[in-house]
C-alpha atoms as a PDB file:
ATOM      1  CA  MET A   1      34.482  -3.722 -34.190  1.00  0.00           C
ATOM      2  CA  ALA A   2      34.076  -0.977 -31.578  1.00  0.00           C
ATOM      3  CA  ARG A   3      36.303   1.380 -33.560  1.00  0.00           C
ATOM      4  CA  GLN A   4      34.189   0.873 -36.679  1.00  0.00           C
ATOM      5  CA  MET A   5      31.087   1.751 -34.657  1.00  0.00           C
ATOM      6  CA  PHE A   6      32.844   4.805 -33.149  1.00  0.00           C
ATOM      7  CA  VAL A   7      32.211   3.617 -29.579  1.00  0.00           C
ATOM      8  CA  SER A   8      34.539   2.600 -26.775  1.00  0.00           C
ATOM      9  CA  GLU A   9      35.688  -0.993 -26.467  1.00  0.00           C
ATOM     10  CA  HIS A  10      33.664  -1.322 -23.260  1.00  0.00           C
ATOM     11  CA  THR A  11      30.491  -0.149 -25.006  1.00  0.00           C
ATOM     12  CA  GLY A  12      31.134  -2.588 -27.835  1.00  0.00           C
ATOM     13  CA  GLN A  13      31.449  -5.448 -25.340  1.00  0.00           C
ATOM     14  CA  ASP A  14      28.180  -4.382 -23.694  1.00  0.00           C
ATOM     15  CA  HIS A  15      26.408  -4.418 -27.068  1.00  0.00           C
ATOM     16  CA  LEU A  16      27.812  -7.865 -27.809  1.00  0.00           C
ATOM     17  CA  LYS A  17      26.668  -9.194 -24.413  1.00  0.00           C
ATOM     18  CA  SER A  18      23.198  -7.847 -25.156  1.00  0.00           C
ATOM     19  CA  VAL A  19      23.123  -9.673 -28.496  1.00  0.00           C
ATOM     20  CA  PHE A  20      24.258 -12.877 -26.761  1.00  0.00           C
ATOM     21  CA  ALA A  21      21.436 -12.557 -24.223  1.00  0.00           C
ATOM     22  CA  LYS A  22      18.798 -11.902 -26.895  1.00  0.00           C
ATOM     23  CA  THR A  23      19.916 -14.868 -28.997  1.00  0.00           C
ATOM     24  CA  ALA A  24      20.509 -17.282 -26.098  1.00  0.00           C
ATOM     25  CA  THR A  25      24.170 -17.669 -27.058  1.00  0.00           C
ATOM     26  CA  LYS A  26      27.307 -17.409 -24.946  1.00  0.00           C
ATOM     27  CA  ASN A  27      30.032 -16.541 -27.430  1.00  0.00           C
ATOM     28  CA  ARG A  28      30.730 -15.407 -30.991  1.00  0.00           C
ATOM     29  CA  ARG A  29      31.051 -18.963 -32.281  1.00  0.00           C
ATOM     30  CA  MET A  30      27.598 -19.891 -30.977  1.00  0.00           C
ATOM     31  CA  LEU A  31      26.171 -16.633 -32.335  1.00  0.00           C
ATOM     32  CA  LEU A  32      27.582 -17.318 -35.799  1.00  0.00           C
ATOM     33  CA  ALA A  33      26.276 -20.892 -35.777  1.00  0.00           C
ATOM     34  CA  ARG A  34      22.835 -19.631 -34.805  1.00  0.00           C
ATOM     35  CA  ALA A  35      22.897 -16.966 -37.519  1.00  0.00           C
ATOM     36  CA  LEU A  36      23.884 -19.556 -40.131  1.00  0.00           C
ATOM     37  CA  GLY A  37      21.266 -21.995 -38.881  1.00  0.00           C
ATOM     38  CA  THR A  38      23.715 -24.769 -38.106  1.00  0.00           C
END
C-alpha cells in the first residue's frame, strides 16, 4: 500500500495507525468490519 501511495513503509504504517485511532479499531480486520457495518 505504501508503494502505491509513493510514501515510505514507515509513513504508511503511521497513516494506518492514525486511521485505527480515528475509527476506534486496532487492526485491519476490525477496520474492515467497521467499514462494512458488521
